[in-house]
Amino acid sequence: MKILITGANGQLGTELRQLLDEHDLSYTGTDAQDLDITDKTAVDRYFDENHPTIVFHCAAYTAVDAAEEEPGKSIDYKVNVLGTQNIAQAAEAVGATLFYISTDYVFDGTNDQMYTEETVPAPKNEYGRTKLAGEQAVANIMSKYYIIRTSWVFGEYGKNFVYTMLKLAETHDQLTVVDDQQGRPTWTRTLAEFMLFALNKQLPFGLYQLSNDNDCTWYEFAKEILKDKAVKVLPVDSDQFPQKAYRPRHSIMDLSKVKATGFVIPTWQEALTAFMQKIDSK
């Protein structure tokens, strides 16, 4: 088994490397400096020379608001669509299994029920559209693949909502956070563990949705993050924080398919507690 991790220095890629190290699994990690996934010639050459058998495709463009600036022409499109196509074509050519990470933003957020793997996607921002196009590329090109949709990602390695709240609490005695967007937070550790679980258990190929269990608003998430801090958190509507990209108001994904595999999903509260203990111990 020869494992390749694209985006190996990103938030999820770094978490995955840590997990593989703990399991004494060897791998090769690349980032944009090592392998430009938007360069098809470079990607084909890399796969021809190295023949990975497992590809954890963690490389992605995730600047949601910046992606709105030049739809179809931006770095977002080049990385999430063309780059994913390049990786999928090269992976298929060498018979590799591909893991692709997608997002709850493939949904429009207008459904008041949970979104299942069978729900027809209807993204309303450019980031969601490019990630859905990446899903379609993987499904159309690959024979052996896992598409994993996730949401509200936080982790030890990189910028995320938890770190933002903790940083703001250092200089503010009161914070306002939107309470009209509801979803499921996801710890990168849980996501990485499911990826390895799917590989080890040889789960059926296809589409899965994975986040931590239970749901909340960003306001409720912030309240839990800052419950031991001397800061007051107040709820506000999203129109108090206008942004270029549309954010789904209700993007709770159904986790039944993953639960049926036997993978135990911690609640987001349990995941957050474990994460906070980890960073506090450093």
Protein backbone atom coordinates (compact mmCIF):
# COMPACT_ATOMS: atom_id res chain seq x y z
CA MET A 1 0.00 0.00 0.00
CA LYS A 2 1.47 3.33 -1.11
CA ILE A 3 -0.36 6.28 0.38
CA LEU A 4 -0.35 9.79 -1.08
CA ILE A 5 -1.81 12.79 0.74
CA THR A 6 -2.41 15.92 -1.33
CA GLY A 7 -2.71 19.13 0.65
CA ALA A 8 -0.64 17.41 3.31
CA ASN A 9 0.18 20.63 5.16
CA GLY A 10 -3.42 21.84 5.41
CA GLN A 11 -5.77 21.50 8.35
CA LEU A 12 -7.05 18.04 7.45
CA GLY A 13 -3.89 16.83 5.72
CA THR A 14 -1.79 17.53 8.81
CA GLU A 15 -4.32 15.78 11.07
CA LEU A 16 -4.30 12.78 8.75
CA ARG A 17 -0.51 12.63 8.76
CA GLN A 18 -0.54 12.62 12.57
CA LEU A 19 -3.03 9.75 12.59
CA LEU A 20 -1.09 7.69 10.07
CA ASP A 21 2.10 8.25 12.08
CA GLU A 22 0.32 6.91 15.17
CA HIS A 23 -0.60 3.78 13.21
CA ASP A 24 2.94 3.40 11.82
CA LEU A 25 1.66 3.75 8.26
CA SER A 26 4.07 5.22 5.76
CA TYR A 27 2.90 7.85 3.30
CA THR A 28 4.04 10.63 1.01
CA GLY A 29 2.60 14.09 1.53
CA THR A 30 2.57 16.87 -1.05
CA ASP A 31 1.49 20.49 -1.04
CA ALA A 32 1.30 23.09 -3.80
CA GLN A 33 5.06 23.56 -3.80
CA ASP A 34 5.68 19.84 -4.32
CA LEU A 35 2.84 19.08 -6.71
CA ASP A 36 0.69 21.64 -8.51
CA ILE A 37 -2.54 19.69 -8.95
CA THR A 38 -3.75 22.20 -11.55
CA ASP A 39 -0.86 21.15 -13.82
CA LYS A 40 -2.09 17.98 -15.52
CA THR A 41 1.32 17.15 -16.99
CA ALA A 42 2.96 17.37 -13.58
CA VAL A 43 0.23 15.27 -11.95
CA ASP A 44 0.40 12.57 -14.62
CA ARG A 45 4.18 12.43 -14.35
CA TYR A 46 4.04 12.17 -10.54
CA PHE A 47 1.57 9.27 -10.63
CA ASP A 48 3.48 7.51 -13.43
CA GLU A 49 6.67 7.68 -11.39
CA ASN A 50 5.26 6.90 -7.93
CA HIS A 51 2.19 4.70 -8.51
CA PRO A 52 0.27 5.45 -5.29
CA THR A 53 -2.42 2.91 -4.44
CA ILE A 54 -4.33 5.11 -1.96
CA VAL A 55 -4.84 8.84 -2.53
CA PHE A 56 -6.22 11.05 0.23
CA HIS A 57 -7.09 14.13 -1.80
CA CYS A 58 -7.11 16.81 0.89
CA ALA A 59 -5.92 19.68 -1.33
CA ALA A 60 -8.68 22.25 -1.79
CA TYR A 61 -9.40 25.94 -2.11
CA THR A 62 -11.62 26.89 0.82
CA ALA A 63 -11.76 30.71 0.80
CA VAL A 64 -15.54 30.81 0.39
CA ASP A 65 -15.99 34.56 -0.06
CA ALA A 66 -12.98 35.01 -2.34
CA ALA A 67 -14.37 32.28 -4.58
CA GLU A 68 -17.29 34.57 -5.49
CA GLU A 69 -15.06 37.08 -7.25
CA GLU A 70 -14.46 35.30 -10.55
CA PRO A 71 -16.84 32.37 -10.93
CA GLY A 72 -15.46 29.77 -13.31
CA LYS A 73 -12.10 31.52 -13.62
CA SER A 74 -10.81 31.74 -10.07
CA ILE A 75 -8.22 29.71 -8.22
CA ASP A 76 -11.22 28.07 -6.55
CA TYR A 77 -12.32 26.56 -9.88
CA LYS A 78 -8.81 25.61 -10.95
CA VAL A 79 -8.05 23.78 -7.70
CA ASN A 80 -11.40 22.26 -6.78
CA VAL A 81 -12.54 21.29 -10.28
CA LEU A 82 -9.61 21.08 -12.69
CA GLY A 83 -7.18 19.96 -9.99
CA THR A 84 -9.55 17.26 -8.80
CA GLN A 85 -10.11 16.09 -12.38
CA ASN A 86 -6.35 15.82 -12.84
CA ILE A 87 -5.91 13.83 -9.64
CA ALA A 88 -8.85 11.54 -10.44
CA GLN A 89 -7.65 10.80 -13.98
CA ALA A 90 -4.12 10.07 -12.81
CA ALA A 91 -5.36 7.94 -9.90
CA GLU A 92 -7.64 5.93 -12.16
CA ALA A 93 -4.80 5.36 -14.62
CA VAL A 94 -2.74 3.62 -11.94
CA GLY A 95 -5.69 1.81 -10.34
CA ALA A 96 -5.60 3.77 -7.08
CA THR A 97 -8.41 4.31 -4.57
CA LEU A 98 -9.28 7.99 -4.11
CA PHE A 99 -10.71 9.81 -1.09
CA TYR A 100 -12.29 13.17 -1.95
CA ILE A 101 -13.46 15.63 0.70
CA SER A 102 -16.59 17.64 -0.11
CA THR A 103 -18.87 19.98 1.80
CA ASP A 104 -22.37 20.68 3.09
CA TYR A 105 -22.29 23.76 0.84
CA VAL A 106 -23.40 21.54 -2.03
CA PHE A 107 -26.88 22.04 -0.50
CA ASP A 108 -28.92 25.24 -0.62
CA GLY A 109 -29.77 25.22 3.09
CA THR A 110 -33.50 25.73 2.59
CA ASN A 111 -34.54 22.22 3.66
CA ASP A 112 -35.80 21.97 7.24
CA GLN A 113 -35.02 18.25 7.27
CA MET A 114 -31.63 16.53 7.28
CA TYR A 115 -29.88 16.16 3.96
CA THR A 116 -29.16 12.57 2.96
CA GLU A 117 -26.72 11.20 0.40
CA GLU A 118 -29.72 10.87 -1.94
CA THR A 119 -30.80 14.52 -1.66
CA VAL A 120 -30.27 16.37 -4.94
CA PRO A 121 -27.56 19.01 -4.39
CA ALA A 122 -28.33 22.65 -5.18
CA PRO A 123 -25.34 24.82 -4.23
CA LYS A 124 -25.92 28.57 -3.97
CA ASN A 125 -22.34 29.78 -3.75
CA GLU A 126 -19.33 29.31 -6.00
CA TYR A 127 -17.38 27.24 -3.50
CA GLY A 128 -20.27 24.79 -3.22
CA ARG A 129 -20.58 24.64 -7.00
CA THR A 130 -16.91 23.81 -7.48
CA LYS A 131 -16.91 21.17 -4.76
CA LEU A 132 -19.97 19.55 -6.32
CA ALA A 133 -18.23 19.60 -9.71
CA GLY A 134 -15.30 17.89 -8.00
CA GLU A 135 -17.66 15.22 -6.65
CA GLN A 136 -19.05 14.65 -10.13
CA ALA A 137 -15.57 14.40 -11.64
CA VAL A 138 -14.54 11.77 -9.10
CA ALA A 139 -17.73 9.74 -9.55
CA ASN A 140 -17.49 9.89 -13.35
CA ILE A 141 -13.78 9.10 -13.61
CA MET A 142 -12.96 6.79 -10.72
CA SER A 143 -13.71 3.10 -10.28
CA LYS A 144 -12.67 3.04 -6.61
CA TYR A 145 -13.51 6.14 -4.61
CA TYR A 146 -14.92 7.58 -1.41
CA ILE A 147 -16.57 11.00 -1.49
CA ILE A 148 -16.95 12.33 2.05
CA ARG A 149 -19.06 15.42 2.65
CA THR A 150 -18.30 17.27 5.84
CA SER A 151 -19.14 20.60 7.50
CA TRP A 152 -17.99 23.32 9.90
CA VAL A 153 -14.49 21.87 10.18
CA PHE A 154 -12.22 22.70 13.10
CA GLY A 155 -8.91 21.23 14.16
CA GLU A 156 -5.51 21.78 15.68
CA TYR A 157 -3.67 22.63 12.47
CA GLY A 158 -4.94 25.73 10.71
CA LYS A 159 -7.42 28.59 10.87
CA ASN A 160 -10.94 27.78 11.99
CA PHE A 161 -13.91 29.06 13.98
CA VAL A 162 -12.72 27.70 17.33
CA TYR A 163 -9.38 29.48 17.13
CA THR A 164 -11.10 32.67 15.93
CA MET A 165 -13.44 32.69 18.93
CA LEU A 166 -10.64 31.98 21.39
CA LYS A 167 -8.51 34.77 19.90
CA LEU A 168 -11.35 37.31 19.99
CA ALA A 169 -12.10 36.41 23.60
CA GLU A 170 -8.61 37.59 24.55
CA THR A 171 -9.42 41.19 23.59
CA HIS A 172 -13.21 41.44 23.92
CA ASP A 173 -15.60 41.15 26.84
CA GLN A 174 -18.59 40.71 24.52
CA LEU A 175 -19.00 38.95 21.17
CA THR A 176 -21.92 38.64 18.76
CA VAL A 177 -22.36 35.43 16.75
CA VAL A 178 -25.04 34.48 14.21
CA ASP A 179 -27.78 32.20 15.48
CA ASP A 180 -29.78 31.65 12.27
CA GLN A 181 -27.39 29.19 10.59
CA GLN A 182 -27.60 25.62 11.83
CA GLY A 183 -25.31 22.68 11.08
CA ARG A 184 -22.92 20.09 12.46
CA PRO A 185 -19.34 20.91 13.54
CA THR A 186 -16.63 18.43 12.52
CA TRP A 187 -13.33 17.80 14.26
CA THR A 188 -10.57 16.96 11.80
CA ARG A 189 -9.59 14.07 14.05
CA THR A 190 -13.01 12.46 13.63
CA LEU A 191 -12.87 12.99 9.87
CA ALA A 192 -9.37 11.53 9.57
CA GLU A 193 -10.35 8.55 11.71
CA PHE A 194 -13.32 7.80 9.47
CA MET A 195 -11.12 7.97 6.37
CA LEU A 196 -8.76 5.41 7.88
CA PHE A 197 -11.73 3.34 9.10
CA ALA A 198 -13.19 3.24 5.57
CA LEU A 199 -9.84 2.12 4.21
CA ASN A 200 -9.21 -0.57 6.83
CA LYS A 201 -12.77 -1.93 6.79
CA GLN A 202 -12.92 -1.77 2.99
CA LEU A 203 -16.29 -0.04 3.10
CA PRO A 204 -18.32 -0.05 -0.12
CA PHE A 205 -17.18 2.70 -2.45
CA GLY A 206 -19.38 5.75 -2.91
CA LEU A 207 -20.69 8.83 -1.13
CA TYR A 208 -20.73 9.30 2.65
CA GLN A 209 -21.59 12.21 4.94
CA LEU A 210 -19.53 12.65 8.09
CA SER A 211 -19.53 15.26 10.82
CA ASN A 212 -19.71 15.05 14.57
CA ASP A 213 -23.11 14.13 15.96
CA ASN A 214 -25.73 16.59 17.22
CA ASP A 215 -26.30 19.99 15.65
CA CYS A 216 -26.12 23.62 16.71
CA THR A 217 -26.04 27.21 15.51
CA TRP A 218 -22.78 29.14 15.28
CA TYR A 219 -23.95 31.02 18.37
CA GLU A 220 -24.43 27.78 20.32
CA PHE A 221 -21.06 26.54 19.09
CA ALA A 222 -19.38 29.77 20.24
CA LYS A 223 -21.10 29.60 23.64
CA GLU A 224 -19.69 26.12 24.21
CA ILE A 225 -16.20 27.13 23.04
CA LEU A 226 -16.12 30.12 25.39
CA LYS A 227 -18.05 28.68 28.36
CA ASP A 228 -14.99 28.95 30.61
CA LYS A 229 -13.91 32.37 29.34
CA ALA A 230 -14.76 35.77 30.76
CA VAL A 231 -16.67 36.90 27.70
CA LYS A 232 -20.38 37.35 26.98
CA VAL A 233 -21.70 35.85 23.73
CA LEU A 234 -24.82 37.36 22.18
CA PRO A 235 -26.92 36.01 19.27
CA VAL A 236 -27.53 38.08 16.10
CA ASP A 237 -29.02 37.55 12.66
CA SER A 238 -26.81 36.86 9.66
CA ASP A 239 -27.70 40.20 8.09
CA GLN A 240 -25.56 41.80 10.80
CA PHE A 241 -22.53 40.19 9.13
CA PRO A 242 -22.98 40.60 5.34
CA GLN A 243 -20.70 38.34 3.32
CA LYS A 244 -20.05 37.90 -0.39
CA ALA A 245 -20.95 34.22 -0.43
CA TYR A 246 -24.32 32.81 0.53
CA ARG A 247 -24.25 30.60 3.64
CA PRO A 248 -26.82 27.79 4.03
CA ARG A 249 -29.24 28.49 6.87
CA HIS A 250 -29.83 24.81 7.60
CA SER A 251 -27.21 22.34 6.45
CA ILE A 252 -27.62 19.41 8.82
CA MET A 253 -26.48 16.26 7.05
CA ASP A 254 -27.86 12.82 7.88
CA LEU A 255 -25.17 10.56 9.36
CA SER A 256 -27.14 7.29 9.18
CA LYS A 257 -25.03 5.75 6.43
CA VAL A 258 -21.78 6.21 8.35
CA LYS A 259 -23.36 5.04 11.62
CA ALA A 260 -24.52 1.86 9.89
CA THR A 261 -20.88 0.99 9.12
CA GLY A 262 -20.13 0.64 12.84
CA PHE A 263 -18.02 3.78 13.01
CA VAL A 264 -18.69 5.51 16.33
CA ILE A 265 -19.26 9.25 15.86
CA PRO A 266 -18.60 11.47 18.90
CA THR A 267 -20.95 14.38 19.47
CA TRP A 268 -19.58 17.77 18.56
CA GLN A 269 -19.56 18.62 22.26
CA GLU A 270 -17.40 15.57 23.02
CA ALA A 271 -15.13 16.35 20.09
CA LEU A 272 -14.76 19.98 21.13
CA THR A 273 -13.93 18.99 24.72
CA ALA A 274 -11.23 16.57 23.53
CA PHE A 275 -9.85 19.18 21.14
CA MET A 276 -9.73 21.89 23.82
CA GLN A 277 -7.98 19.55 26.24
CA LYS A 278 -5.45 18.75 23.56
CA ILE A 279 -4.57 22.34 22.74
CA ASP A 280 -4.63 23.36 26.42
CA SER A 281 -2.08 20.68 27.24
CA LYS A 282 0.48 22.16 24.86
